[in-house]
Amino acid sequence: MFERVLSFLRDLPAGAGTHASSDDPRVAASALLYHVMNADGVRQDVEWERFKAVLAQSYSISGAELEALAAAGERADNEAIDLYAFTSVLKRHLDAEARKAFVGLMWEIVYADGELHELEDNTVWRVAELIGVERRDRVEARQKAAARAPGARGTSSDE
């Protein structure tokens, strides 16, 4: 089954829909990470590179497989009407610790450019709520990501 999903992702042609893979937690995660990267309306190269690095590290992928997953996440996010389609998949497939770790990955992407924008903060807050991550865990993950980001600026609504 896993190999079939990987094969599907590798074979996604440019512009193909992602409805068939909407229950794939990797595509759901990619879509949410892509969404938070674009929440402030500006996609910087450093954010795109961090997005791909997070996917590569999280799923031990590279090359064409990484590009396919990044593209699938982008398409899924662009086609989505809300975040629930993705968060419900993650909530079903990830345990509590993995969901906390995912929120940490979102913060890494937020702070890739060294700035916290209020729309990014709000996006992480909404995703964390939808996947059942407690406020204190979300705040702790944000603080850790901010501490690792050189010259991080911006204040969360949690402070």
Protein backbone atom coordinates (compact mmCIF):
# COMPACT_ATOMS: atom_id res chain seq x y z
CA MET A 1 0.00 0.00 0.00
CA PHE A 2 2.74 2.46 0.99
CA GLU A 3 4.66 1.72 -2.20
CA ARG A 4 1.50 2.31 -4.23
CA VAL A 5 1.09 5.75 -2.61
CA LEU A 6 4.73 6.57 -3.27
CA SER A 7 4.35 5.44 -6.86
CA PHE A 8 1.27 7.61 -7.24
CA LEU A 9 3.12 10.66 -5.91
CA ARG A 10 6.09 10.04 -8.20
CA ASP A 11 3.79 9.83 -11.22
CA LEU A 12 1.77 12.97 -10.57
CA PRO A 13 1.89 15.02 -13.76
CA ALA A 14 2.06 18.80 -13.54
CA GLY A 15 -1.38 20.30 -13.04
CA ALA A 16 -3.01 17.04 -11.97
CA GLY A 17 -5.64 17.17 -9.25
CA THR A 18 -4.90 15.77 -5.83
CA HIS A 19 -8.34 14.51 -4.93
CA ALA A 20 -7.22 10.88 -5.18
CA SER A 21 -4.48 11.52 -2.62
CA SER A 22 -6.48 13.70 -0.22
CA ASP A 23 -6.32 10.99 2.45
CA ASP A 24 -2.53 10.70 2.20
CA PRO A 25 -1.10 12.19 5.40
CA ARG A 26 2.06 13.21 3.53
CA VAL A 27 0.07 15.30 1.05
CA ALA A 28 -2.05 16.73 3.88
CA ALA A 29 1.09 17.69 5.80
CA SER A 30 2.68 19.16 2.69
CA ALA A 31 -0.47 21.19 1.97
CA LEU A 32 -0.59 22.61 5.50
CA LEU A 33 3.11 23.44 5.49
CA TYR A 34 2.70 25.10 2.12
CA HIS A 35 -0.33 27.01 3.43
CA VAL A 36 1.51 28.44 6.43
CA MET A 37 4.44 29.38 4.20
CA ASN A 38 2.08 31.47 2.04
CA ALA A 39 -0.12 32.80 4.85
CA ASP A 40 1.52 36.23 4.81
CA GLY A 41 1.14 36.52 1.03
CA VAL A 42 4.88 36.49 0.37
CA ARG A 43 6.75 33.31 -0.52
CA GLN A 44 10.44 33.90 -0.02
CA ASP A 45 13.13 31.58 -1.34
CA VAL A 46 14.34 30.83 2.19
CA GLU A 47 10.82 29.72 3.14
CA TRP A 48 10.50 27.51 0.04
CA GLU A 49 13.85 25.89 0.75
CA ARG A 50 12.91 25.30 4.40
CA PHE A 51 9.55 23.84 3.27
CA LYS A 52 11.33 21.36 1.02
CA ALA A 53 13.96 20.59 3.68
CA VAL A 54 11.22 19.82 6.24
CA LEU A 55 9.51 17.48 3.78
CA ALA A 56 12.81 15.81 2.88
CA GLN A 57 13.76 15.29 6.53
CA SER A 58 10.30 14.24 7.68
CA TYR A 59 9.75 11.67 4.95
CA SER A 60 13.33 10.71 4.02
CA ILE A 61 12.82 11.68 0.40
CA SER A 62 14.74 13.66 -2.18
CA GLY A 63 14.87 14.44 -5.86
CA ALA A 64 11.81 13.79 -7.97
CA GLU A 65 9.89 12.28 -5.06
CA LEU A 66 10.46 15.44 -2.98
CA GLU A 67 9.46 17.68 -5.88
CA ALA A 68 6.30 15.60 -6.45
CA LEU A 69 5.28 15.84 -2.78
CA ALA A 70 5.95 19.59 -2.67
CA ALA A 71 3.93 20.06 -5.87
CA ALA A 72 1.11 17.84 -4.56
CA GLY A 73 0.96 19.91 -1.36
CA GLU A 74 0.89 23.15 -3.32
CA ARG A 75 -1.89 21.91 -5.61
CA ALA A 76 -3.90 20.49 -2.71
CA ASP A 77 -3.66 23.78 -0.81
CA ASN A 78 -4.63 25.80 -3.89
CA GLU A 79 -7.68 23.57 -4.45
CA ALA A 80 -8.80 23.44 -0.82
CA ILE A 81 -11.68 25.44 0.55
CA ASP A 82 -10.61 25.07 4.17
CA LEU A 83 -7.96 23.47 6.38
CA TYR A 84 -10.22 20.77 7.82
CA ALA A 85 -9.69 18.38 4.91
CA PHE A 86 -5.98 18.26 5.78
CA THR A 87 -6.18 18.49 9.56
CA SER A 88 -8.70 15.66 9.76
CA VAL A 89 -6.30 13.41 7.85
CA LEU A 90 -3.42 14.27 10.19
CA LYS A 91 -5.58 13.80 13.26
CA ARG A 92 -6.52 10.31 12.07
CA HIS A 93 -2.99 9.26 11.14
CA LEU A 94 -0.78 10.91 13.78
CA ASP A 95 -0.63 10.27 17.49
CA ALA A 96 -0.54 13.15 19.98
CA GLU A 97 3.27 13.44 20.01
CA ALA A 98 3.48 13.42 16.21
CA ARG A 99 0.82 16.15 16.04
CA LYS A 100 2.85 18.29 18.46
CA ALA A 101 5.94 17.68 16.34
CA PHE A 102 4.01 18.72 13.24
CA VAL A 103 3.12 22.04 14.86
CA GLY A 104 6.85 22.46 15.54
CA LEU A 105 7.54 21.93 11.83
CA MET A 106 5.00 24.61 10.97
CA TRP A 107 6.81 27.04 13.28
CA GLU A 108 10.12 26.20 11.60
CA ILE A 109 8.67 27.29 8.28
CA VAL A 110 7.12 30.42 9.84
CA TYR A 111 10.51 31.47 11.22
CA ALA A 112 12.51 30.51 8.12
CA ASP A 113 12.49 34.17 7.07
CA GLY A 114 13.13 35.35 10.64
CA GLU A 115 9.71 37.01 10.98
CA LEU A 116 6.42 36.06 12.55
CA HIS A 117 3.48 37.51 10.66
CA GLU A 118 0.07 37.61 12.37
CA LEU A 119 -1.50 35.54 9.58
CA GLU A 120 1.15 32.85 10.02
CA ASP A 121 0.55 32.89 13.77
CA ASN A 122 -3.19 32.56 13.20
CA THR A 123 -2.74 29.70 10.74
CA VAL A 124 -0.61 27.70 13.17
CA TRP A 125 -3.10 28.41 15.95
CA ARG A 126 -6.03 27.16 13.80
CA VAL A 127 -4.20 24.03 12.66
CA ALA A 128 -3.08 23.23 16.20
CA GLU A 129 -6.65 23.58 17.46
CA LEU A 130 -8.00 21.37 14.67
CA ILE A 131 -5.48 18.59 15.29
CA GLY A 132 -5.85 18.71 19.06
CA VAL A 133 -2.55 20.30 20.11
CA GLU A 134 -2.83 22.18 23.40
CA ARG A 135 -2.01 25.88 23.65
CA ARG A 136 1.00 25.34 25.91
CA ASP A 137 2.48 22.82 23.45
CA ARG A 138 1.91 25.23 20.56
CA VAL A 139 3.55 28.08 22.47
CA GLU A 140 6.48 25.90 23.52
CA ALA A 141 7.04 24.80 19.91
CA ARG A 142 6.92 28.43 18.76
CA GLN A 143 9.43 29.51 21.39
CA LYS A 144 11.83 26.72 20.39
CA ALA A 145 11.57 27.61 16.69
CA ALA A 146 12.02 31.32 17.43
CA ALA A 147 15.09 30.60 19.57
CA ARG A 148 16.68 28.67 16.68
CA ALA A 149 15.85 31.37 14.11
CA PRO A 150 18.60 33.98 13.89
CA GLY A 151 17.20 37.47 14.48
CA ALA A 152 13.59 36.27 14.76
CA ARG A 153 11.10 39.14 14.90
CA GLY A 154 7.43 39.40 15.68
CA THR A 155 5.21 38.60 18.58
CA SER A 156 2.64 35.90 18.86
CA SER A 157 -0.87 36.60 20.06
CA ASP A 158 -0.12 34.02 22.78
CA GLU A 159 2.25 36.37 24.55
